[in-house]
N, C-alpha and C. Protein backbone atom coordinates (compact mmCIF):
# COMPACT_ATOMS: atom_id res chain seq x y z
N MET A 1 4.17 14.62 -9.24
CA MET A 1 2.87 15.21 -9.53
C MET A 1 2.48 16.18 -8.42
N SER A 2 2.12 17.37 -8.80
CA SER A 2 1.82 18.42 -7.82
C SER A 2 0.50 18.16 -7.11
N GLY A 3 0.44 18.59 -5.85
CA GLY A 3 -0.78 18.44 -5.09
C GLY A 3 -1.75 19.59 -5.28
N GLU A 4 -1.43 20.57 -6.11
CA GLU A 4 -2.30 21.70 -6.34
C GLU A 4 -3.33 21.36 -7.42
N THR A 5 -4.23 22.32 -7.70
CA THR A 5 -5.28 22.08 -8.70
C THR A 5 -5.22 23.12 -9.81
N ILE A 6 -5.86 22.77 -10.91
CA ILE A 6 -6.12 23.70 -11.99
C ILE A 6 -7.61 23.62 -12.33
N VAL A 7 -8.10 24.59 -13.06
CA VAL A 7 -9.49 24.57 -13.49
C VAL A 7 -9.54 23.92 -14.87
N GLY A 8 -10.34 22.87 -15.01
CA GLY A 8 -10.47 22.16 -16.27
C GLY A 8 -11.37 22.87 -17.25
N PRO A 9 -11.52 22.32 -18.45
CA PRO A 9 -12.34 22.96 -19.48
C PRO A 9 -13.81 23.07 -19.10
N ASP A 10 -14.26 22.29 -18.12
CA ASP A 10 -15.65 22.38 -17.66
C ASP A 10 -15.80 23.30 -16.47
N GLY A 11 -14.72 24.01 -16.10
CA GLY A 11 -14.76 24.95 -14.99
C GLY A 11 -14.58 24.32 -13.62
N LYS A 12 -14.28 23.02 -13.57
CA LYS A 12 -14.13 22.31 -12.30
C LYS A 12 -12.65 22.02 -12.03
N SER A 13 -12.33 21.94 -10.73
CA SER A 13 -10.95 21.75 -10.32
C SER A 13 -10.47 20.32 -10.55
N ARG A 14 -9.21 20.21 -10.93
CA ARG A 14 -8.57 18.92 -11.14
C ARG A 14 -7.13 18.96 -10.63
N CYS A 15 -6.56 17.78 -10.44
CA CYS A 15 -5.14 17.69 -10.08
C CYS A 15 -4.33 18.49 -11.10
N ARG A 16 -3.39 19.27 -10.61
CA ARG A 16 -2.63 20.16 -11.48
C ARG A 16 -1.94 19.41 -12.62
N TRP A 17 -1.46 18.21 -12.35
CA TRP A 17 -0.69 17.49 -13.39
C TRP A 17 -1.53 17.17 -14.61
N SER A 18 -2.87 17.16 -14.46
CA SER A 18 -3.73 16.82 -15.60
C SER A 18 -3.66 17.85 -16.72
N GLY A 19 -3.14 19.03 -16.41
CA GLY A 19 -3.00 20.06 -17.43
C GLY A 19 -1.61 20.13 -18.03
N GLY A 20 -0.76 19.16 -17.68
CA GLY A 20 0.63 19.20 -18.11
C GLY A 20 0.85 18.88 -19.57
N ALA A 21 -0.10 18.20 -20.20
CA ALA A 21 0.01 17.82 -21.61
C ALA A 21 -1.39 17.51 -22.12
N PRO A 22 -1.64 17.67 -23.42
CA PRO A 22 -2.99 17.42 -23.95
C PRO A 22 -3.48 16.00 -23.68
N GLU A 23 -2.56 15.05 -23.63
CA GLU A 23 -2.96 13.65 -23.43
C GLU A 23 -3.41 13.37 -21.99
N PHE A 24 -3.05 14.25 -21.06
CA PHE A 24 -3.24 13.92 -19.65
C PHE A 24 -4.68 14.03 -19.17
N LEU A 25 -5.45 14.97 -19.71
CA LEU A 25 -6.78 15.24 -19.16
C LEU A 25 -7.68 14.01 -19.21
N SER A 26 -7.78 13.38 -20.37
CA SER A 26 -8.63 12.20 -20.49
C SER A 26 -8.12 11.07 -19.61
N TYR A 27 -6.81 10.88 -19.59
CA TYR A 27 -6.22 9.84 -18.75
C TYR A 27 -6.56 10.09 -17.28
N HIS A 28 -6.41 11.33 -16.85
CA HIS A 28 -6.72 11.71 -15.47
C HIS A 28 -8.18 11.49 -15.13
N ASP A 29 -9.07 11.87 -16.06
CA ASP A 29 -10.51 11.85 -15.78
C ASP A 29 -11.14 10.47 -15.87
N THR A 30 -10.56 9.58 -16.67
CA THR A 30 -11.23 8.30 -16.95
C THR A 30 -10.45 7.07 -16.51
N GLU A 31 -9.16 7.22 -16.20
CA GLU A 31 -8.35 6.06 -15.86
C GLU A 31 -7.64 6.15 -14.52
N TRP A 32 -6.89 7.22 -14.30
CA TRP A 32 -5.98 7.29 -13.17
C TRP A 32 -6.72 7.19 -11.84
N GLY A 33 -6.41 6.16 -11.10
CA GLY A 33 -7.00 5.99 -9.78
C GLY A 33 -8.23 5.11 -9.73
N PHE A 34 -8.84 4.84 -10.88
CA PHE A 34 -10.00 3.96 -10.89
C PHE A 34 -9.52 2.52 -10.73
N PRO A 35 -10.12 1.74 -9.82
CA PRO A 35 -9.59 0.40 -9.51
C PRO A 35 -9.68 -0.57 -10.68
N VAL A 36 -8.64 -1.37 -10.83
CA VAL A 36 -8.51 -2.31 -11.94
C VAL A 36 -8.26 -3.72 -11.39
N SER A 37 -8.97 -4.70 -11.96
CA SER A 37 -8.75 -6.09 -11.55
C SER A 37 -8.35 -6.98 -12.72
N ASP A 38 -8.29 -6.43 -13.92
CA ASP A 38 -7.93 -7.20 -15.10
C ASP A 38 -6.42 -7.47 -15.11
N ASP A 39 -6.04 -8.73 -15.17
CA ASP A 39 -4.63 -9.10 -15.08
C ASP A 39 -3.78 -8.46 -16.16
N TYR A 40 -4.29 -8.40 -17.38
CA TYR A 40 -3.49 -7.85 -18.48
C TYR A 40 -3.28 -6.35 -18.31
N ARG A 41 -4.29 -5.65 -17.83
CA ARG A 41 -4.14 -4.21 -17.59
C ARG A 41 -3.16 -3.95 -16.44
N LEU A 42 -3.22 -4.76 -15.42
CA LEU A 42 -2.28 -4.61 -14.31
C LEU A 42 -0.85 -4.87 -14.79
N PHE A 43 -0.69 -5.92 -15.59
CA PHE A 43 0.62 -6.24 -16.12
C PHE A 43 1.11 -5.12 -17.04
N GLU A 44 0.22 -4.62 -17.88
CA GLU A 44 0.57 -3.51 -18.78
C GLU A 44 1.12 -2.33 -17.99
N LYS A 45 0.41 -1.97 -16.94
CA LYS A 45 0.81 -0.78 -16.19
C LYS A 45 2.15 -0.98 -15.51
N LEU A 46 2.39 -2.17 -14.95
CA LEU A 46 3.69 -2.44 -14.36
C LEU A 46 4.80 -2.32 -15.41
N CYS A 47 4.53 -2.83 -16.60
CA CYS A 47 5.51 -2.75 -17.68
C CYS A 47 5.74 -1.31 -18.13
N LEU A 48 4.67 -0.56 -18.32
CA LEU A 48 4.81 0.81 -18.80
C LEU A 48 5.49 1.70 -17.76
N GLU A 49 5.21 1.46 -16.48
CA GLU A 49 5.92 2.22 -15.45
C GLU A 49 7.40 1.89 -15.49
N GLY A 50 7.74 0.65 -15.78
CA GLY A 50 9.14 0.28 -15.93
C GLY A 50 9.78 0.99 -17.12
N PHE A 51 9.06 1.06 -18.23
CA PHE A 51 9.57 1.77 -19.40
C PHE A 51 9.74 3.26 -19.11
N GLN A 52 8.90 3.80 -18.23
CA GLN A 52 8.97 5.23 -17.95
C GLN A 52 10.24 5.61 -17.18
N SER A 53 10.85 4.68 -16.51
CA SER A 53 12.03 4.97 -15.70
C SER A 53 13.03 5.80 -16.50
N GLY A 54 13.31 7.01 -16.01
CA GLY A 54 14.23 7.91 -16.70
C GLY A 54 13.59 8.75 -17.78
N LEU A 55 12.30 8.54 -18.05
CA LEU A 55 11.58 9.27 -19.08
C LEU A 55 10.35 9.95 -18.47
N SER A 56 9.55 10.59 -19.29
CA SER A 56 8.33 11.23 -18.81
C SER A 56 7.13 10.33 -19.10
N TRP A 57 6.07 10.47 -18.28
CA TRP A 57 4.86 9.70 -18.52
C TRP A 57 4.22 10.12 -19.85
N ARG A 58 4.40 11.39 -20.24
CA ARG A 58 3.84 11.83 -21.51
C ARG A 58 4.43 11.01 -22.66
N THR A 59 5.72 10.77 -22.61
CA THR A 59 6.37 9.97 -23.65
C THR A 59 5.74 8.58 -23.74
N ILE A 60 5.54 7.96 -22.59
CA ILE A 60 4.99 6.60 -22.56
C ILE A 60 3.53 6.60 -22.98
N LEU A 61 2.75 7.54 -22.45
CA LEU A 61 1.32 7.58 -22.76
C LEU A 61 1.09 7.81 -24.25
N SER A 62 1.90 8.66 -24.86
CA SER A 62 1.73 8.94 -26.29
C SER A 62 2.07 7.72 -27.16
N LYS A 63 2.86 6.82 -26.60
CA LYS A 63 3.24 5.60 -27.33
C LYS A 63 2.47 4.37 -26.87
N ARG A 64 1.48 4.55 -25.99
CA ARG A 64 0.84 3.39 -25.37
C ARG A 64 0.20 2.46 -26.38
N GLU A 65 -0.47 2.98 -27.37
CA GLU A 65 -1.09 2.10 -28.37
C GLU A 65 -0.04 1.33 -29.16
N ASN A 66 1.12 1.95 -29.39
CA ASN A 66 2.21 1.24 -30.06
C ASN A 66 2.74 0.11 -29.18
N PHE A 67 2.86 0.39 -27.88
CA PHE A 67 3.30 -0.65 -26.95
C PHE A 67 2.30 -1.81 -26.95
N ARG A 68 1.01 -1.48 -26.94
CA ARG A 68 -0.02 -2.53 -26.92
C ARG A 68 0.06 -3.41 -28.18
N ALA A 69 0.29 -2.77 -29.30
CA ALA A 69 0.42 -3.55 -30.54
C ALA A 69 1.67 -4.42 -30.51
N ALA A 70 2.76 -3.86 -30.04
CA ALA A 70 4.03 -4.58 -30.04
C ALA A 70 4.03 -5.75 -29.06
N PHE A 71 3.31 -5.59 -27.95
CA PHE A 71 3.31 -6.61 -26.90
C PHE A 71 1.96 -7.34 -26.78
N HIS A 72 1.21 -7.41 -27.88
CA HIS A 72 -0.03 -8.20 -27.93
C HIS A 72 -0.98 -7.86 -26.77
N ASP A 73 -1.21 -6.55 -26.58
CA ASP A 73 -2.10 -6.08 -25.51
C ASP A 73 -1.66 -6.58 -24.14
N PHE A 74 -0.39 -6.80 -23.99
CA PHE A 74 0.22 -7.22 -22.72
C PHE A 74 -0.38 -8.52 -22.19
N ASP A 75 -0.71 -9.40 -23.13
CA ASP A 75 -1.11 -10.77 -22.78
C ASP A 75 0.17 -11.50 -22.36
N PHE A 76 0.37 -11.65 -21.05
CA PHE A 76 1.65 -12.19 -20.60
C PHE A 76 1.85 -13.65 -20.96
N ASP A 77 0.76 -14.37 -21.25
CA ASP A 77 0.93 -15.75 -21.70
C ASP A 77 1.54 -15.81 -23.09
N THR A 78 1.20 -14.83 -23.93
CA THR A 78 1.80 -14.74 -25.26
C THR A 78 3.24 -14.22 -25.17
N ILE A 79 3.44 -13.19 -24.36
CA ILE A 79 4.77 -12.58 -24.24
C ILE A 79 5.77 -13.58 -23.66
N ALA A 80 5.32 -14.44 -22.78
CA ALA A 80 6.22 -15.42 -22.15
C ALA A 80 6.87 -16.33 -23.18
N ASP A 81 6.26 -16.46 -24.36
CA ASP A 81 6.80 -17.32 -25.41
C ASP A 81 7.64 -16.55 -26.43
N PHE A 82 7.89 -15.26 -26.17
CA PHE A 82 8.70 -14.47 -27.10
C PHE A 82 10.09 -15.09 -27.27
N THR A 83 10.59 -14.98 -28.49
CA THR A 83 11.89 -15.54 -28.85
C THR A 83 12.90 -14.41 -29.10
N GLU A 84 14.12 -14.80 -29.43
CA GLU A 84 15.13 -13.81 -29.81
C GLU A 84 14.68 -13.03 -31.04
N GLY A 85 13.92 -13.67 -31.90
CA GLY A 85 13.38 -12.99 -33.07
C GLY A 85 12.42 -11.89 -32.68
N ASP A 86 11.60 -12.15 -31.67
CA ASP A 86 10.69 -11.12 -31.18
C ASP A 86 11.47 -9.96 -30.57
N LEU A 87 12.51 -10.28 -29.83
CA LEU A 87 13.34 -9.23 -29.25
C LEU A 87 13.96 -8.36 -30.34
N ALA A 88 14.45 -8.99 -31.38
CA ALA A 88 15.04 -8.24 -32.49
C ALA A 88 14.00 -7.34 -33.15
N ARG A 89 12.78 -7.86 -33.30
CA ARG A 89 11.69 -7.07 -33.88
C ARG A 89 11.39 -5.85 -33.03
N LEU A 90 11.33 -6.03 -31.73
CA LEU A 90 11.00 -4.94 -30.83
C LEU A 90 12.09 -3.88 -30.79
N LEU A 91 13.33 -4.31 -30.92
CA LEU A 91 14.44 -3.36 -30.88
C LEU A 91 14.52 -2.49 -32.13
N THR A 92 13.76 -2.85 -33.16
CA THR A 92 13.71 -2.02 -34.36
C THR A 92 12.37 -1.29 -34.49
N ASP A 93 11.51 -1.42 -33.49
CA ASP A 93 10.17 -0.80 -33.52
C ASP A 93 10.27 0.64 -33.02
N LYS A 94 10.20 1.59 -33.94
CA LYS A 94 10.35 3.00 -33.59
C LYS A 94 9.15 3.54 -32.80
N GLY A 95 8.08 2.77 -32.74
CA GLY A 95 6.89 3.24 -32.03
C GLY A 95 6.94 3.06 -30.53
N ILE A 96 7.95 2.31 -30.05
CA ILE A 96 8.08 2.08 -28.61
C ILE A 96 9.43 2.60 -28.13
N VAL A 97 9.70 2.42 -26.84
CA VAL A 97 11.02 2.75 -26.29
C VAL A 97 11.93 1.56 -26.52
N ARG A 98 12.95 1.75 -27.35
CA ARG A 98 13.82 0.63 -27.75
C ARG A 98 15.00 0.51 -26.77
N HIS A 99 14.68 0.02 -25.60
CA HIS A 99 15.68 -0.17 -24.54
C HIS A 99 15.75 -1.67 -24.27
N ARG A 100 16.87 -2.27 -24.63
CA ARG A 100 16.98 -3.73 -24.55
C ARG A 100 16.65 -4.25 -23.15
N GLY A 101 17.20 -3.63 -22.13
CA GLY A 101 16.98 -4.11 -20.77
C GLY A 101 15.51 -4.08 -20.37
N LYS A 102 14.82 -3.02 -20.76
CA LYS A 102 13.40 -2.89 -20.40
C LYS A 102 12.54 -3.86 -21.19
N ILE A 103 12.88 -4.07 -22.46
CA ILE A 103 12.14 -5.03 -23.28
C ILE A 103 12.34 -6.44 -22.74
N GLU A 104 13.58 -6.77 -22.43
CA GLU A 104 13.86 -8.09 -21.86
C GLU A 104 13.15 -8.26 -20.52
N ALA A 105 13.01 -7.17 -19.76
CA ALA A 105 12.32 -7.25 -18.48
C ALA A 105 10.85 -7.60 -18.67
N VAL A 106 10.22 -7.08 -19.72
CA VAL A 106 8.81 -7.39 -19.98
C VAL A 106 8.64 -8.89 -20.22
N VAL A 107 9.54 -9.46 -21.02
CA VAL A 107 9.46 -10.90 -21.31
C VAL A 107 9.70 -11.70 -20.03
N ASN A 108 10.72 -11.31 -19.29
CA ASN A 108 10.99 -11.98 -18.01
C ASN A 108 9.80 -11.87 -17.06
N ASN A 109 9.27 -10.66 -16.95
CA ASN A 109 8.16 -10.44 -16.01
C ASN A 109 6.89 -11.17 -16.44
N ALA A 110 6.72 -11.37 -17.74
CA ALA A 110 5.57 -12.15 -18.22
C ALA A 110 5.65 -13.58 -17.68
N ARG A 111 6.83 -14.13 -17.69
CA ARG A 111 7.01 -15.49 -17.18
C ARG A 111 6.82 -15.53 -15.66
N ARG A 112 7.27 -14.49 -15.00
CA ARG A 112 7.07 -14.42 -13.55
C ARG A 112 5.59 -14.21 -13.22
N ALA A 113 4.88 -13.48 -14.07
CA ALA A 113 3.43 -13.29 -13.87
C ALA A 113 2.71 -14.62 -13.99
N GLN A 114 3.11 -15.44 -14.93
CA GLN A 114 2.51 -16.77 -15.07
C GLN A 114 2.69 -17.58 -13.79
N GLU A 115 3.83 -17.45 -13.18
CA GLU A 115 4.10 -18.19 -11.94
C GLU A 115 3.19 -17.72 -10.81
N ILE A 116 2.96 -16.40 -10.75
CA ILE A 116 2.06 -15.87 -9.73
C ILE A 116 0.64 -16.36 -9.96
N VAL A 117 0.21 -16.38 -11.22
CA VAL A 117 -1.15 -16.85 -11.54
C VAL A 117 -1.31 -18.31 -11.14
N LYS A 118 -0.30 -19.11 -11.39
CA LYS A 118 -0.37 -20.52 -11.00
C LYS A 118 -0.48 -20.67 -9.48
N ARG A 119 0.15 -19.77 -8.77
CA ARG A 119 0.19 -19.87 -7.31
C ARG A 119 -1.04 -19.25 -6.65
N THR A 120 -1.52 -18.13 -7.16
CA THR A 120 -2.59 -17.40 -6.47
C THR A 120 -3.91 -17.35 -7.24
N GLY A 121 -3.89 -17.75 -8.51
CA GLY A 121 -5.10 -17.72 -9.32
C GLY A 121 -5.17 -16.56 -10.27
N SER A 122 -4.58 -15.43 -9.87
CA SER A 122 -4.56 -14.26 -10.75
C SER A 122 -3.54 -13.26 -10.24
N LEU A 123 -3.06 -12.42 -11.16
CA LEU A 123 -2.16 -11.34 -10.76
C LEU A 123 -2.89 -10.34 -9.88
N ALA A 124 -4.18 -10.16 -10.16
CA ALA A 124 -4.98 -9.20 -9.40
C ALA A 124 -5.05 -9.58 -7.92
N VAL A 125 -5.26 -10.85 -7.65
CA VAL A 125 -5.33 -11.30 -6.25
C VAL A 125 -4.02 -10.97 -5.54
N PHE A 126 -2.92 -11.25 -6.21
CA PHE A 126 -1.60 -10.98 -5.63
C PHE A 126 -1.40 -9.49 -5.36
N VAL A 127 -1.68 -8.66 -6.37
CA VAL A 127 -1.43 -7.22 -6.26
C VAL A 127 -2.33 -6.58 -5.21
N TRP A 128 -3.62 -6.90 -5.24
CA TRP A 128 -4.57 -6.23 -4.35
C TRP A 128 -4.38 -6.64 -2.89
N ASN A 129 -3.60 -7.66 -2.65
CA ASN A 129 -3.26 -8.01 -1.28
C ASN A 129 -2.42 -6.93 -0.62
N TYR A 130 -1.85 -6.03 -1.44
CA TYR A 130 -1.01 -4.95 -0.93
C TYR A 130 -1.74 -3.61 -0.86
N GLU A 131 -3.04 -3.62 -0.99
CA GLU A 131 -3.81 -2.37 -0.85
C GLU A 131 -3.62 -1.82 0.57
N PRO A 132 -3.24 -0.54 0.69
CA PRO A 132 -3.03 0.03 2.02
C PRO A 132 -4.33 0.11 2.82
N GLY A 133 -4.22 -0.06 4.11
CA GLY A 133 -5.36 0.17 4.98
C GLY A 133 -5.56 1.66 5.19
N LEU A 134 -6.74 2.06 5.63
CA LEU A 134 -7.04 3.48 5.82
C LEU A 134 -6.06 4.14 6.76
N GLU A 135 -5.58 3.38 7.73
CA GLU A 135 -4.67 3.96 8.73
C GLU A 135 -3.30 4.30 8.14
N ASN A 136 -3.00 3.80 6.97
CA ASN A 136 -1.69 4.03 6.35
C ASN A 136 -1.71 5.07 5.25
N LEU A 137 -2.88 5.66 4.98
CA LEU A 137 -2.97 6.64 3.90
C LEU A 137 -2.39 7.98 4.33
N VAL A 138 -1.80 8.68 3.37
CA VAL A 138 -1.23 10.00 3.62
C VAL A 138 -1.95 11.02 2.74
N GLU A 139 -1.64 12.29 2.96
CA GLU A 139 -2.25 13.34 2.13
C GLU A 139 -1.91 13.09 0.66
N PRO A 140 -2.92 13.21 -0.23
CA PRO A 140 -2.69 12.89 -1.64
C PRO A 140 -1.50 13.61 -2.26
N GLN A 141 -0.77 12.86 -3.07
CA GLN A 141 0.34 13.37 -3.88
C GLN A 141 1.44 14.03 -3.05
N THR A 142 1.66 13.50 -1.85
CA THR A 142 2.76 13.99 -1.01
C THR A 142 3.85 12.94 -0.84
N ALA A 143 3.65 11.75 -1.43
CA ALA A 143 4.63 10.68 -1.28
C ALA A 143 4.96 10.07 -2.63
N SER A 144 6.12 9.46 -2.72
CA SER A 144 6.51 8.73 -3.94
C SER A 144 6.74 7.26 -3.66
N THR A 145 6.71 6.89 -2.39
CA THR A 145 6.76 5.49 -1.99
C THR A 145 5.90 5.33 -0.74
N SER A 146 5.65 4.10 -0.36
CA SER A 146 4.90 3.82 0.87
C SER A 146 5.38 2.48 1.41
N ALA A 147 4.96 2.16 2.62
CA ALA A 147 5.31 0.87 3.19
C ALA A 147 4.82 -0.26 2.28
N GLU A 148 3.63 -0.07 1.70
CA GLU A 148 3.05 -1.10 0.84
C GLU A 148 3.79 -1.22 -0.49
N SER A 149 4.19 -0.08 -1.07
CA SER A 149 4.92 -0.16 -2.33
C SER A 149 6.31 -0.76 -2.11
N LEU A 150 6.91 -0.49 -0.97
CA LEU A 150 8.18 -1.10 -0.63
C LEU A 150 8.02 -2.61 -0.48
N ALA A 151 6.94 -3.02 0.17
CA ALA A 151 6.71 -4.45 0.40
C ALA A 151 6.39 -5.18 -0.90
N LEU A 152 5.55 -4.57 -1.75
CA LEU A 152 5.20 -5.19 -3.03
C LEU A 152 6.42 -5.27 -3.93
N SER A 153 7.19 -4.18 -3.97
CA SER A 153 8.42 -4.18 -4.76
C SER A 153 9.36 -5.29 -4.31
N LYS A 154 9.53 -5.41 -3.02
CA LYS A 154 10.42 -6.44 -2.47
C LYS A 154 9.93 -7.84 -2.83
N ASP A 155 8.62 -8.05 -2.74
CA ASP A 155 8.05 -9.36 -3.06
C ASP A 155 8.23 -9.69 -4.54
N LEU A 156 7.95 -8.71 -5.40
CA LEU A 156 8.12 -8.94 -6.84
C LEU A 156 9.58 -9.25 -7.18
N LYS A 157 10.49 -8.47 -6.60
CA LYS A 157 11.91 -8.71 -6.88
C LYS A 157 12.34 -10.09 -6.40
N LYS A 158 11.82 -10.49 -5.25
CA LYS A 158 12.15 -11.81 -4.71
C LYS A 158 11.68 -12.91 -5.66
N ARG A 159 10.60 -12.63 -6.39
CA ARG A 159 10.06 -13.59 -7.35
C ARG A 159 10.70 -13.46 -8.73
N GLY A 160 11.69 -12.58 -8.86
CA GLY A 160 12.45 -12.48 -10.10
C GLY A 160 12.03 -11.38 -11.06
N TRP A 161 11.09 -10.51 -10.64
CA TRP A 161 10.67 -9.41 -11.51
C TRP A 161 11.78 -8.36 -11.60
N LYS A 162 11.77 -7.61 -12.70
CA LYS A 162 12.75 -6.55 -12.93
C LYS A 162 12.05 -5.23 -13.22
N PHE A 163 12.75 -4.12 -12.96
CA PHE A 163 12.23 -2.76 -13.15
C PHE A 163 10.95 -2.56 -12.33
N VAL A 164 10.97 -3.01 -11.08
CA VAL A 164 9.81 -2.86 -10.20
C VAL A 164 10.26 -2.29 -8.85
N GLY A 165 11.00 -1.18 -8.91
CA GLY A 165 11.42 -0.51 -7.68
C GLY A 165 10.24 0.09 -6.95
N PRO A 166 10.40 0.50 -5.69
CA PRO A 166 9.28 1.00 -4.89
C PRO A 166 8.60 2.25 -5.44
N THR A 167 9.36 3.13 -6.12
CA THR A 167 8.74 4.32 -6.71
C THR A 167 7.89 3.93 -7.92
N THR A 168 8.41 3.03 -8.73
CA THR A 168 7.65 2.50 -9.88
C THR A 168 6.38 1.83 -9.40
N VAL A 169 6.49 1.03 -8.36
CA VAL A 169 5.33 0.31 -7.84
C VAL A 169 4.32 1.28 -7.22
N TYR A 170 4.81 2.34 -6.57
CA TYR A 170 3.88 3.32 -5.99
C TYR A 170 3.08 4.02 -7.09
N ALA A 171 3.74 4.38 -8.19
CA ALA A 171 3.04 5.00 -9.32
C ALA A 171 2.00 4.04 -9.89
N PHE A 172 2.35 2.77 -9.94
CA PHE A 172 1.41 1.73 -10.37
C PHE A 172 0.19 1.68 -9.44
N MET A 173 0.43 1.72 -8.14
CA MET A 173 -0.67 1.66 -7.17
C MET A 173 -1.58 2.88 -7.27
N GLN A 174 -0.99 4.05 -7.51
CA GLN A 174 -1.79 5.26 -7.71
C GLN A 174 -2.70 5.10 -8.93
N ALA A 175 -2.12 4.63 -10.02
CA ALA A 175 -2.85 4.57 -11.29
C ALA A 175 -3.92 3.50 -11.30
N MET A 176 -3.65 2.37 -10.67
CA MET A 176 -4.56 1.22 -10.72
C MET A 176 -5.59 1.21 -9.60
N GLY A 177 -5.62 2.28 -8.82
CA GLY A 177 -6.70 2.44 -7.84
C GLY A 177 -6.50 1.77 -6.50
N LEU A 178 -5.29 1.29 -6.21
CA LEU A 178 -5.06 0.72 -4.90
C LEU A 178 -5.08 1.81 -3.83
N ILE A 179 -4.85 3.04 -4.26
CA ILE A 179 -5.07 4.21 -3.41
C ILE A 179 -5.77 5.26 -4.26
N ASN A 180 -6.46 6.17 -3.60
CA ASN A 180 -7.07 7.31 -4.29
C ASN A 180 -6.18 8.51 -4.03
N ASP A 181 -5.34 8.84 -4.98
CA ASP A 181 -4.38 9.92 -4.77
C ASP A 181 -4.76 11.20 -5.49
N HIS A 182 -5.99 11.30 -5.96
CA HIS A 182 -6.48 12.59 -6.46
C HIS A 182 -6.55 13.56 -5.27
N VAL A 183 -6.16 14.81 -5.49
CA VAL A 183 -6.17 15.78 -4.39
C VAL A 183 -7.60 16.05 -3.95
N GLU A 184 -7.74 16.56 -2.73
CA GLU A 184 -9.05 16.70 -2.11
C GLU A 184 -10.02 17.53 -2.94
N ASP A 185 -9.53 18.58 -3.62
CA ASP A 185 -10.41 19.47 -4.36
C ASP A 185 -10.66 19.02 -5.80
N CYS A 186 -10.08 17.92 -6.21
CA CYS A 186 -10.24 17.44 -7.58
C CYS A 186 -11.63 16.84 -7.77
N VAL A 187 -12.29 17.22 -8.86
CA VAL A 187 -13.65 16.76 -9.13
C VAL A 187 -13.70 15.24 -9.35
N ILE A 188 -12.60 14.65 -9.75
CA ILE A 188 -12.58 13.21 -10.03
C ILE A 188 -12.39 12.39 -8.75
N ARG A 189 -11.92 13.01 -7.69
CA ARG A 189 -11.63 12.27 -6.46
C ARG A 189 -12.86 11.50 -5.95
N ALA A 190 -14.01 12.17 -5.94
CA ALA A 190 -15.24 11.52 -5.44
C ALA A 190 -15.65 10.37 -6.35
N GLN A 191 -15.44 10.53 -7.65
CA GLN A 191 -15.78 9.45 -8.58
C GLN A 191 -14.91 8.22 -8.33
N VAL A 192 -13.64 8.46 -8.10
CA VAL A 192 -12.73 7.36 -7.81
C VAL A 192 -13.09 6.71 -6.48
N GLU A 193 -13.43 7.52 -5.49
CA GLU A 193 -13.78 6.97 -4.19
C GLU A 193 -15.02 6.09 -4.30
N SER A 194 -16.00 6.54 -5.07
CA SER A 194 -17.21 5.75 -5.28
C SER A 194 -16.89 4.43 -5.98
N ALA A 195 -16.02 4.50 -6.98
CA ALA A 195 -15.62 3.29 -7.71
C ALA A 195 -14.89 2.33 -6.79
N ARG A 196 -14.05 2.87 -5.91
CA ARG A 196 -13.31 2.01 -4.98
C ARG A 196 -14.25 1.36 -3.95
N GLU A 197 -15.26 2.11 -3.54
CA GLU A 197 -16.20 1.57 -2.55
C GLU A 197 -16.99 0.39 -3.10
N SER A 198 -17.32 0.43 -4.37
CA SER A 198 -18.12 -0.64 -4.98
C SER A 198 -17.27 -1.72 -5.64
N PHE A 199 -15.96 -1.56 -5.60
CA PHE A 199 -15.05 -2.47 -6.29
C PHE A 199 -14.88 -3.76 -5.49
N PRO A 200 -15.21 -4.92 -6.11
CA PRO A 200 -15.00 -6.20 -5.39
C PRO A 200 -13.51 -6.56 -5.39
N ARG A 201 -12.92 -6.59 -4.22
CA ARG A 201 -11.50 -6.90 -4.12
C ARG A 201 -11.24 -8.34 -4.59
N PRO A 202 -10.30 -8.51 -5.52
CA PRO A 202 -10.00 -9.86 -6.02
C PRO A 202 -9.57 -10.80 -4.90
N GLY A 203 -10.17 -11.97 -4.91
CA GLY A 203 -9.81 -12.99 -3.95
C GLY A 203 -10.44 -12.86 -2.58
N ARG A 204 -11.31 -11.85 -2.42
CA ARG A 204 -11.92 -11.67 -1.09
C ARG A 204 -13.43 -11.88 -1.17
């Protein structure tokens, strides 16, 4: 994602990537970077970032509602009980990315998410423990990994998660508001910063 800006339909500057596809503007303005504490949304984003591996975010975003329908709104307690029949159903679902390894990873990761919830109380508590401190922040959209994304990726892998490499995890952290990676001149940056300031950190 480029660190430059474009002028949006309201005449205000935004991150350049928001103009890359028609679907991006609303996602950029209302979702990307705003802090999230809902376990299912956090799980969804980790899964969708895994599906994006080797593909474009536009492909995944355009299919997001299909993914939500196929995976029961990413309720990991439901997904953890998926059977071979569910796998067969998903592999014939033209509305999603039919990649056996990635689909199997979602089911596996759902079970691993349950384990984290049992241990920490929620996925949100676990994830937000990796929020970078101010001293570790870099200029927006100049990095694809960080010390925190490396650490979170390593921890998830140690717990048996799949398709959670450090670049995937960094994109997840950008999107879910663990960092504010909107560029300095983006009109949404201040909105995200305000949301982060008032956001109650899970478990704290």
